[in-house]
Amino acid sequence: MERRVADHLAVEDRIVADPAILAGKPVVRGTRIAVELVLAKLAQDPNLDELFADYPRLTVDDVKACLLYAKDLVARRGARPSPPANGRRRASAA
């Protein structure tokens, strides 16, 4: 439980949404770097060295906060992948 509170505080301290900045998209506090951008960069290439080279103002804690923010959104919304367009399930990779 204590870890969950610490995670929540990390997100609150580092991720903000202000209508005057990027039309209210969640950003890393003190920057115009959107959480969405950080997640997209990590999805494309999870190399933190390259991410920090491109965005030197980011810190490891900022990246952690972005990931926690996304995790919380998925957990709250119960997000699930869409079924295949043809309605058939794919075989499990396991």
PDB file of N, CA and C in Angstrom:
ATOM      1  N   MET A   1       0.824  -1.199   0.000  1.00  0.00           N
ATOM      2  CA  MET A   1       0.000   0.000   0.000  1.00  0.00           C
ATOM      3  C   MET A   1       0.869   1.264   0.000  1.00  0.00           C
ATOM      4  N   GLU A   2       1.950   1.241   0.786  1.00  0.00           N
ATOM      5  CA  GLU A   2       2.826   2.394   0.871  1.00  0.00           C
ATOM      6  C   GLU A   2       3.451   2.722  -0.481  1.00  0.00           C
ATOM      7  N   ARG A   3       3.812   1.690  -1.224  1.00  0.00           N
ATOM      8  CA  ARG A   3       4.400   1.888  -2.555  1.00  0.00           C
ATOM      9  C   ARG A   3       3.388   2.558  -3.486  1.00  0.00           C
ATOM     10  N   ARG A   4       2.128   2.122  -3.397  1.00  0.00           N
ATOM     11  CA  ARG A   4       1.091   2.696  -4.253  1.00  0.00           C
ATOM     12  C   ARG A   4       0.928   4.191  -3.977  1.00  0.00           C
ATOM     13  N   VAL A   5       0.988   4.582  -2.713  1.00  0.00           N
ATOM     14  CA  VAL A   5       0.885   5.996  -2.347  1.00  0.00           C
ATOM     15  C   VAL A   5       2.086   6.752  -2.900  1.00  0.00           C
ATOM     16  N   ALA A   6       3.278   6.180  -2.774  1.00  0.00           N
ATOM     17  CA  ALA A   6       4.488   6.831  -3.299  1.00  0.00           C
ATOM     18  C   ALA A   6       4.395   6.986  -4.808  1.00  0.00           C
ATOM     19  N   ASP A   7       3.899   5.957  -5.504  1.00  0.00           N
ATOM     20  CA  ASP A   7       3.733   6.036  -6.957  1.00  0.00           C
ATOM     21  C   ASP A   7       2.763   7.148  -7.317  1.00  0.00           C
ATOM     22  N   HIS A   8       1.655   7.232  -6.594  1.00  0.00           N
ATOM     23  CA  HIS A   8       0.642   8.255  -6.870  1.00  0.00           C
ATOM     24  C   HIS A   8       1.236   9.649  -6.677  1.00  0.00           C
ATOM     25  N   LEU A   9       2.008   9.830  -5.611  1.00  0.00           N
ATOM     26  CA  LEU A   9       2.630  11.128  -5.366  1.00  0.00           C
ATOM     27  C   LEU A   9       3.657  11.466  -6.443  1.00  0.00           C
ATOM     28  N   ALA A  10       4.385  10.459  -6.920  1.00  0.00           N
ATOM     29  CA  ALA A  10       5.366  10.700  -7.986  1.00  0.00           C
ATOM     30  C   ALA A  10       4.672  11.217  -9.233  1.00  0.00           C
ATOM     31  N   VAL A  11       3.545  10.623  -9.553  1.00  0.00           N
ATOM     32  CA  VAL A  11       2.796  11.071 -10.738  1.00  0.00           C
ATOM     33  C   VAL A  11       2.263  12.479 -10.513  1.00  0.00           C
ATOM     34  N   GLU A  12       1.680  12.728  -9.358  1.00  0.00           N
ATOM     35  CA  GLU A  12       1.124  14.058  -9.077  1.00  0.00           C
ATOM     36  C   GLU A  12       2.204  15.139  -9.097  1.00  0.00           C
ATOM     37  N   ASP A  13       3.400  14.809  -8.623  1.00  0.00           N
ATOM     38  CA  ASP A  13       4.491  15.786  -8.579  1.00  0.00           C
ATOM     39  C   ASP A  13       5.078  16.071  -9.945  1.00  0.00           C
ATOM     40  N   ARG A  14       5.005  15.116 -10.860  1.00  0.00           N
ATOM     41  CA  ARG A  14       5.732  15.239 -12.119  1.00  0.00           C
ATOM     42  C   ARG A  14       4.865  15.393 -13.364  1.00  0.00           C
ATOM     43  N   ILE A  15       3.613  14.980 -13.308  1.00  0.00           N
ATOM     44  CA  ILE A  15       2.745  15.039 -14.489  1.00  0.00           C
ATOM     45  C   ILE A  15       1.637  16.054 -14.237  1.00  0.00           C
ATOM     46  N   VAL A  16       1.484  16.995 -15.153  1.00  0.00           N
ATOM     47  CA  VAL A  16       0.451  18.023 -15.022  1.00  0.00           C
ATOM     48  C   VAL A  16      -0.312  18.155 -16.335  1.00  0.00           C
ATOM     49  N   ALA A  17      -1.526  18.649 -16.224  1.00  0.00           N
ATOM     50  CA  ALA A  17      -2.341  18.938 -17.406  1.00  0.00           C
ATOM     51  C   ALA A  17      -2.888  20.353 -17.241  1.00  0.00           C
ATOM     52  N   ASP A  18      -2.414  21.257 -18.068  1.00  0.00           N
ATOM     53  CA  ASP A  18      -2.802  22.663 -18.014  1.00  0.00           C
ATOM     54  C   ASP A  18      -3.364  23.033 -19.378  1.00  0.00           C
ATOM     55  N   PRO A  19      -4.597  23.557 -19.431  1.00  0.00           N
ATOM     56  CA  PRO A  19      -5.196  23.915 -20.722  1.00  0.00           C
ATOM     57  C   PRO A  19      -4.338  24.893 -21.538  1.00  0.00           C
ATOM     58  N   ALA A  20      -3.454  25.635 -20.887  1.00  0.00           N
ATOM     59  CA  ALA A  20      -2.602  26.589 -21.593  1.00  0.00           C
ATOM     60  C   ALA A  20      -1.347  25.932 -22.192  1.00  0.00           C
ATOM     61  N   ILE A  21      -1.112  24.661 -21.854  1.00  0.00           N
ATOM     62  CA  ILE A  21       0.078  23.964 -22.366  1.00  0.00           C
ATOM     63  C   ILE A  21      -0.372  22.756 -23.178  1.00  0.00           C
ATOM     64  N   LEU A  22      -0.026  22.735 -24.453  1.00  0.00           N
ATOM     65  CA  LEU A  22      -0.366  21.625 -25.360  1.00  0.00           C
ATOM     66  C   LEU A  22      -1.840  21.228 -25.273  1.00  0.00           C
ATOM     67  N   ALA A  23      -2.689  22.228 -25.220  1.00  0.00           N
ATOM     68  CA  ALA A  23      -4.147  22.029 -25.210  1.00  0.00           C
ATOM     69  C   ALA A  23      -4.605  21.110 -24.076  1.00  0.00           C
ATOM     70  N   GLY A  24      -3.872  21.148 -22.954  1.00  0.00           N
ATOM     71  CA  GLY A  24      -4.288  20.385 -21.786  1.00  0.00           C
ATOM     72  C   GLY A  24      -3.814  18.946 -21.749  1.00  0.00           C
ATOM     73  N   LYS A  25      -2.979  18.545 -22.718  1.00  0.00           N
ATOM     74  CA  LYS A  25      -2.434  17.181 -22.681  1.00  0.00           C
ATOM     75  C   LYS A  25      -1.541  17.044 -21.449  1.00  0.00           C
ATOM     76  N   PRO A  26      -1.486  15.858 -20.858  1.00  0.00           N
ATOM     77  CA  PRO A  26      -0.576  15.655 -19.723  1.00  0.00           C
ATOM     78  C   PRO A  26       0.878  15.797 -20.188  1.00  0.00           C
ATOM     79  N   VAL A  27       1.636  16.588 -19.439  1.00  0.00           N
ATOM     80  CA  VAL A  27       3.042  16.837 -19.754  1.00  0.00           C
ATOM     81  C   VAL A  27       3.883  16.649 -18.500  1.00  0.00           C
ATOM     82  N   VAL A  28       5.184  16.521 -18.702  1.00  0.00           N
ATOM     83  CA  VAL A  28       6.115  16.499 -17.588  1.00  0.00           C
ATOM     84  C   VAL A  28       6.199  17.923 -17.041  1.00  0.00           C
ATOM     85  N   ARG A  29       6.005  18.066 -15.736  1.00  0.00           N
ATOM     86  CA  ARG A  29       5.979  19.385 -15.095  1.00  0.00           C
ATOM     87  C   ARG A  29       7.210  20.213 -15.485  1.00  0.00           C
ATOM     88  N   GLY A  30       6.968  21.478 -15.817  1.00  0.00           N
ATOM     89  CA  GLY A  30       8.049  22.392 -16.161  1.00  0.00           C
ATOM     90  C   GLY A  30       8.548  22.270 -17.586  1.00  0.00           C
ATOM     91  N   THR A  31       7.874  21.423 -18.385  1.00  0.00           N
ATOM     92  CA  THR A  31       8.277  21.242 -19.779  1.00  0.00           C
ATOM     93  C   THR A  31       7.045  21.272 -20.669  1.00  0.00           C
ATOM     94  N   ARG A  32       7.288  21.176 -21.954  1.00  0.00           N
ATOM     95  CA  ARG A  32       6.205  20.975 -22.908  1.00  0.00           C
ATOM     96  C   ARG A  32       6.331  19.576 -23.518  1.00  0.00           C
ATOM     97  N   ILE A  33       6.921  18.672 -22.743  1.00  0.00           N
ATOM     98  CA  ILE A  33       7.107  17.295 -23.186  1.00  0.00           C
ATOM     99  C   ILE A  33       5.910  16.469 -22.736  1.00  0.00           C
ATOM    100  N   ALA A  34       5.104  16.040 -23.714  1.00  0.00           N
ATOM    101  CA  ALA A  34       3.872  15.306 -23.414  1.00  0.00           C
ATOM    102  C   ALA A  34       4.181  13.874 -22.982  1.00  0.00           C
ATOM    103  N   VAL A  35       3.387  13.396 -22.049  1.00  0.00           N
ATOM    104  CA  VAL A  35       3.477  11.996 -21.623  1.00  0.00           C
ATOM    105  C   VAL A  35       3.331  11.096 -22.844  1.00  0.00           C
ATOM    106  N   GLU A  36       2.413  11.430 -23.711  1.00  0.00           N
ATOM    107  CA  GLU A  36       2.173  10.658 -24.939  1.00  0.00           C
ATOM    108  C   GLU A  36       3.443  10.539 -25.781  1.00  0.00           C
ATOM    109  N   LEU A  37       4.202  11.618 -25.879  1.00  0.00           N
ATOM    110  CA  LEU A  37       5.447  11.608 -26.641  1.00  0.00           C
ATOM    111  C   LEU A  37       6.471  10.679 -25.997  1.00  0.00           C
ATOM    112  N   VAL A  38       6.613  10.757 -24.682  1.00  0.00           N
ATOM    113  CA  VAL A  38       7.561   9.896 -23.970  1.00  0.00           C
ATOM    114  C   VAL A  38       7.196   8.431 -24.194  1.00  0.00           C
ATOM    115  N   LEU A  39       5.904   8.100 -24.062  1.00  0.00           N
ATOM    116  CA  LEU A  39       5.463   6.717 -24.250  1.00  0.00           C
ATOM    117  C   LEU A  39       5.689   6.255 -25.687  1.00  0.00           C
ATOM    118  N   ALA A  40       5.423   7.124 -26.636  1.00  0.00           N
ATOM    119  CA  ALA A  40       5.629   6.765 -28.050  1.00  0.00           C
ATOM    120  C   ALA A  40       7.103   6.510 -28.337  1.00  0.00           C
ATOM    121  N   LYS A  41       7.969   7.375 -27.807  1.00  0.00           N
ATOM    122  CA  LYS A  41       9.409   7.192 -28.010  1.00  0.00           C
ATOM    123  C   LYS A  41       9.877   5.879 -27.400  1.00  0.00           C
ATOM    124  N   LEU A  42       9.406   5.572 -26.199  1.00  0.00           N
ATOM    125  CA  LEU A  42       9.804   4.333 -25.531  1.00  0.00           C
ATOM    126  C   LEU A  42       9.255   3.111 -26.260  1.00  0.00           C
ATOM    127  N   ALA A  43       8.058   3.223 -26.800  1.00  0.00           N
ATOM    128  CA  ALA A  43       7.476   2.104 -27.550  1.00  0.00           C
ATOM    129  C   ALA A  43       8.272   1.847 -28.826  1.00  0.00           C
ATOM    130  N   GLN A  44       8.751   2.913 -29.444  1.00  0.00           N
ATOM    131  CA  GLN A  44       9.528   2.800 -30.683  1.00  0.00           C
ATOM    132  C   GLN A  44      10.933   2.270 -30.402  1.00  0.00           C
ATOM    133  N   ASP A  45      11.546   2.780 -29.332  1.00  0.00           N
ATOM    134  CA  ASP A  45      12.906   2.370 -28.970  1.00  0.00           C
ATOM    135  C   ASP A  45      13.087   2.609 -27.470  1.00  0.00           C
ATOM    136  N   PRO A  46      13.118   1.538 -26.669  1.00  0.00           N
ATOM    137  CA  PRO A  46      13.206   1.706 -25.217  1.00  0.00           C
ATOM    138  C   PRO A  46      14.601   2.081 -24.697  1.00  0.00           C
ATOM    139  N   ASN A  47      15.414   2.690 -25.518  1.00  0.00           N
ATOM    140  CA  ASN A  47      16.753   3.104 -25.128  1.00  0.00           C
ATOM    141  C   ASN A  47      16.670   4.460 -24.416  1.00  0.00           C
ATOM    142  N   LEU A  48      16.868   4.447 -23.101  1.00  0.00           N
ATOM    143  CA  LEU A  48      16.769   5.687 -22.332  1.00  0.00           C
ATOM    144  C   LEU A  48      17.859   6.685 -22.707  1.00  0.00           C
ATOM    145  N   ASP A  49      19.032   6.196 -23.055  1.00  0.00           N
ATOM    146  CA  ASP A  49      20.114   7.112 -23.437  1.00  0.00           C
ATOM    147  C   ASP A  49      19.701   7.965 -24.638  1.00  0.00           C
ATOM    148  N   GLU A  50      19.062   7.359 -25.616  1.00  0.00           N
ATOM    149  CA  GLU A  50      18.605   8.117 -26.785  1.00  0.00           C
ATOM    150  C   GLU A  50      17.475   9.079 -26.412  1.00  0.00           C
ATOM    151  N   LEU A  51      16.570   8.631 -25.560  1.00  0.00           N
ATOM    152  CA  LEU A  51      15.478   9.503 -25.110  1.00  0.00           C
ATOM    153  C   LEU A  51      16.046  10.728 -24.410  1.00  0.00           C
ATOM    154  N   PHE A  52      17.018  10.518 -23.521  1.00  0.00           N
ATOM    155  CA  PHE A  52      17.601  11.641 -22.790  1.00  0.00           C
ATOM    156  C   PHE A  52      18.455  12.527 -23.698  1.00  0.00           C
ATOM    157  N   ALA A  53      19.038  11.957 -24.731  1.00  0.00           N
ATOM    158  CA  ALA A  53      19.793  12.765 -25.691  1.00  0.00           C
ATOM    159  C   ALA A  53      18.843  13.686 -26.455  1.00  0.00           C
ATOM    160  N   ASP A  54      17.673  13.154 -26.818  1.00  0.00           N
ATOM    161  CA  ASP A  54      16.678  13.951 -27.543  1.00  0.00           C
ATOM    162  C   ASP A  54      15.989  14.970 -26.636  1.00  0.00           C
ATOM    163  N   TYR A  55      15.816  14.616 -25.365  1.00  0.00           N
ATOM    164  CA  TYR A  55      15.090  15.467 -24.403  1.00  0.00           C
ATOM    165  C   TYR A  55      15.906  15.558 -23.117  1.00  0.00           C
ATOM    166  N   PRO A  56      16.954  16.368 -23.107  1.00  0.00           N
ATOM    167  CA  PRO A  56      17.882  16.414 -21.972  1.00  0.00           C
ATOM    168  C   PRO A  56      17.255  16.878 -20.650  1.00  0.00           C
ATOM    169  N   ARG A  57      16.091  17.509 -20.706  1.00  0.00           N
ATOM    170  CA  ARG A  57      15.444  17.949 -19.462  1.00  0.00           C
ATOM    171  C   ARG A  57      14.747  16.802 -18.741  1.00  0.00           C
ATOM    172  N   LEU A  58      14.524  15.698 -19.445  1.00  0.00           N
ATOM    173  CA  LEU A  58      13.872  14.546 -18.808  1.00  0.00           C
ATOM    174  C   LEU A  58      14.829  13.855 -17.848  1.00  0.00           C
ATOM    175  N   THR A  59      14.249  13.283 -16.796  1.00  0.00           N
ATOM    176  CA  THR A  59      15.014  12.484 -15.842  1.00  0.00           C
ATOM    177  C   THR A  59      14.416  11.082 -15.796  1.00  0.00           C
ATOM    178  N   VAL A  60      15.136  10.184 -15.159  1.00  0.00           N
ATOM    179  CA  VAL A  60      14.613   8.827 -14.973  1.00  0.00           C
ATOM    180  C   VAL A  60      13.292   8.883 -14.200  1.00  0.00           C
ATOM    181  N   ASP A  61      13.218   9.736 -13.191  1.00  0.00           N
ATOM    182  CA  ASP A  61      11.976   9.850 -12.418  1.00  0.00           C
ATOM    183  C   ASP A  61      10.821  10.382 -13.260  1.00  0.00           C
ATOM    184  N   ASP A  62      11.108  11.265 -14.201  1.00  0.00           N
ATOM    185  CA  ASP A  62      10.072  11.748 -15.118  1.00  0.00           C
ATOM    186  C   ASP A  62       9.532  10.597 -15.962  1.00  0.00           C
ATOM    187  N   VAL A  63      10.436   9.770 -16.474  1.00  0.00           N
ATOM    188  CA  VAL A  63      10.027   8.631 -17.305  1.00  0.00           C
ATOM    189  C   VAL A  63       9.205   7.649 -16.479  1.00  0.00           C
ATOM    190  N   LYS A  64       9.647   7.381 -15.260  1.00  0.00           N
ATOM    191  CA  LYS A  64       8.887   6.493 -14.369  1.00  0.00           C
ATOM    192  C   LYS A  64       7.482   7.048 -14.133  1.00  0.00           C
ATOM    193  N   ALA A  65       7.392   8.350 -13.924  1.00  0.00           N
ATOM    194  CA  ALA A  65       6.090   8.970 -13.691  1.00  0.00           C
ATOM    195  C   ALA A  65       5.195   8.834 -14.924  1.00  0.00           C
ATOM    196  N   CYS A  66       5.761   8.978 -16.114  1.00  0.00           N
ATOM    197  CA  CYS A  66       4.987   8.797 -17.356  1.00  0.00           C
ATOM    198  C   CYS A  66       4.449   7.370 -17.443  1.00  0.00           C
ATOM    199  N   LEU A  67       5.292   6.405 -17.133  1.00  0.00           N
ATOM    200  CA  LEU A  67       4.871   5.000 -17.183  1.00  0.00           C
ATOM    201  C   LEU A  67       3.811   4.705 -16.125  1.00  0.00           C
ATOM    202  N   LEU A  68       3.980   5.248 -14.928  1.00  0.00           N
ATOM    203  CA  LEU A  68       2.978   5.051 -13.879  1.00  0.00           C
ATOM    204  C   LEU A  68       1.647   5.710 -14.259  1.00  0.00           C
ATOM    205  N   TYR A  69       1.731   6.883 -14.868  1.00  0.00           N
ATOM    206  CA  TYR A  69       0.520   7.577 -15.317  1.00  0.00           C
ATOM    207  C   TYR A  69      -0.237   6.703 -16.313  1.00  0.00           C
ATOM    208  N   ALA A  70       0.476   6.136 -17.276  1.00  0.00           N
ATOM    209  CA  ALA A  70      -0.158   5.270 -18.274  1.00  0.00           C
ATOM    210  C   ALA A  70      -0.725   4.013 -17.624  1.00  0.00           C
ATOM    211  N   LYS A  71       0.015   3.419 -16.704  1.00  0.00           N
ATOM    212  CA  LYS A  71      -0.444   2.221 -15.999  1.00  0.00           C
ATOM    213  C   LYS A  71      -1.741   2.509 -15.245  1.00  0.00           C
ATOM    214  N   ASP A  72      -1.787   3.646 -14.577  1.00  0.00           N
ATOM    215  CA  ASP A  72      -2.989   4.016 -13.829  1.00  0.00           C
ATOM    216  C   ASP A  72      -4.189   4.204 -14.760  1.00  0.00           C
ATOM    217  N   LEU A  73      -3.974   4.811 -15.914  1.00  0.00           N
ATOM    218  CA  LEU A  73      -5.059   4.983 -16.879  1.00  0.00           C
ATOM    219  C   LEU A  73      -5.604   3.635 -17.350  1.00  0.00           C
ATOM    220  N   VAL A  74      -4.714   2.727 -17.669  1.00  0.00           N
ATOM    221  CA  VAL A  74      -5.133   1.403 -18.135  1.00  0.00           C
ATOM    222  C   VAL A  74      -5.877   0.678 -17.022  1.00  0.00           C
ATOM    223  N   ALA A  75      -5.367   0.756 -15.815  1.00  0.00           N
ATOM    224  CA  ALA A  75      -5.999   0.069 -14.686  1.00  0.00           C
ATOM    225  C   ALA A  75      -7.392   0.633 -14.403  1.00  0.00           C
ATOM    226  N   ARG A  76      -7.525   1.941 -14.465  1.00  0.00           N
ATOM    227  CA  ARG A  76      -8.829   2.567 -14.190  1.00  0.00           C
ATOM    228  C   ARG A  76      -9.854   2.275 -15.266  1.00  0.00           C
ATOM    229  N   ARG A  77      -9.432   2.279 -16.492  1.00  0.00           N
ATOM    230  CA  ARG A  77     -10.372   2.096 -17.605  1.00  0.00           C
ATOM    231  C   ARG A  77     -10.552   0.641 -17.993  1.00  0.00           C
ATOM    232  N   GLY A  78      -9.742  -0.225 -17.417  1.00  0.00           N
ATOM    233  CA  GLY A  78      -9.850  -1.634 -17.780  1.00  0.00           C
ATOM    234  C   GLY A  78      -9.610  -1.844 -19.261  1.00  0.00           C
ATOM    235  N   ALA A  79      -8.668  -1.078 -19.805  1.00  0.00           N
ATOM    236  CA  ALA A  79      -8.406  -1.136 -21.250  1.00  0.00           C
ATOM    237  C   ALA A  79      -8.015  -2.545 -21.679  1.00  0.00           C
ATOM    238  N   ARG A  80      -8.589  -2.965 -22.766  1.00  0.00           N
ATOM    239  CA  ARG A  80      -8.273  -4.264 -23.347  1.00  0.00           C
ATOM    240  C   ARG A  80      -8.068  -4.071 -24.842  1.00  0.00           C
ATOM    241  N   PRO A  81      -7.208  -4.892 -25.428  1.00  0.00           N
ATOM    242  CA  PRO A  81      -7.008  -4.781 -26.875  1.00  0.00           C
ATOM    243  C   PRO A  81      -8.305  -5.071 -27.625  1.00  0.00           C
ATOM    244  N   SER A  82      -8.457  -4.456 -28.769  1.00  0.00           N
ATOM    245  CA  SER A  82      -9.633  -4.704 -29.603  1.00  0.00           C
ATOM    246  C   SER A  82      -9.564  -6.111 -30.181  1.00  0.00           C
ATOM    247  N   PRO A  83     -10.716  -6.756 -30.382  1.00  0.00           N
ATOM    248  CA  PRO A  83     -10.692  -8.069 -31.024  1.00  0.00           C
ATOM    249  C   PRO A  83     -10.273  -7.921 -32.481  1.00  0.00           C
ATOM    250  N   PRO A  84      -9.768  -8.993 -33.086  1.00  0.00           N
ATOM    251  CA  PRO A  84      -9.377  -8.928 -34.497  1.00  0.00           C
ATOM    252  C   PRO A  84     -10.575  -8.533 -35.370  1.00  0.00           C
ATOM    253  N   ALA A  85     -10.303  -7.886 -36.478  1.00  0.00           N
ATOM    254  CA  ALA A  85     -11.342  -7.377 -37.358  1.00  0.00           C
ATOM    255  C   ALA A  85     -12.232  -8.501 -37.902  1.00  0.00           C
ATOM    256  N   ASN A  86     -11.662  -9.679 -38.101  1.00  0.00           N
ATOM    257  CA  ASN A  86     -12.470 -10.778 -38.668  1.00  0.00           C
ATOM    258  C   ASN A  86     -13.239 -11.551 -37.595  1.00  0.00           C
ATOM    259  N   GLY A  87     -13.091 -11.111 -36.326  1.00  0.00           N
ATOM    260  CA  GLY A  87     -13.869 -11.729 -35.254  1.00  0.00           C
ATOM    261  C   GLY A  87     -13.268 -13.014 -34.718  1.00  0.00           C
ATOM    262  N   ARG A  88     -12.168 -13.459 -35.299  1.00  0.00           N
ATOM    263  CA  ARG A  88     -11.528 -14.696 -34.835  1.00  0.00           C
ATOM    264  C   ARG A  88     -10.389 -14.374 -33.891  1.00  0.00           C
ATOM    265  N   ARG A  89     -10.184 -15.231 -32.941  1.00  0.00           N
ATOM    266  CA  ARG A  89      -9.080 -15.062 -32.019  1.00  0.00           C
ATOM    267  C   ARG A  89      -7.824 -15.663 -32.600  1.00  0.00           C
ATOM    268  N   ARG A  90      -6.714 -15.033 -32.284  1.00  0.00           N
ATOM    269  CA  ARG A  90      -5.429 -15.606 -32.691  1.00  0.00           C
ATOM    270  C   ARG A  90      -4.987 -16.608 -31.658  1.00  0.00           C
ATOM    271  N   ALA A  91      -4.214 -17.574 -32.112  1.00  0.00           N
ATOM    272  CA  ALA A  91      -3.673 -18.566 -31.195  1.00  0.00           C
ATOM    273  C   ALA A  91      -2.729 -17.890 -30.226  1.00  0.00           C
ATOM    274  N   SER A  92      -2.704 -18.362 -29.018  1.00  0.00           N
ATOM    275  CA  SER A  92      -1.844 -17.827 -27.979  1.00  0.00           C
ATOM    276  C   SER A  92      -0.383 -18.079 -28.325  1.00  0.00           C
ATOM    277  N   ALA A  93       0.464 -17.136 -27.967  1.00  0.00           N
ATOM    278  CA  ALA A  93       1.897 -17.267 -28.247  1.00  0.00           C
ATOM    279  C   ALA A  93       2.597 -18.122 -27.198  1.00  0.00           C
ATOM    280  N   ALA A  94       1.900 -18.499 -26.155  1.00  0.00           N
ATOM    281  CA  ALA A  94       2.537 -19.249 -25.063  1.00  0.00           C
ATOM    282  C   ALA A  94       2.807 -20.681 -25.410  1.00  0.00           C
TER     283      ALA A  94
END
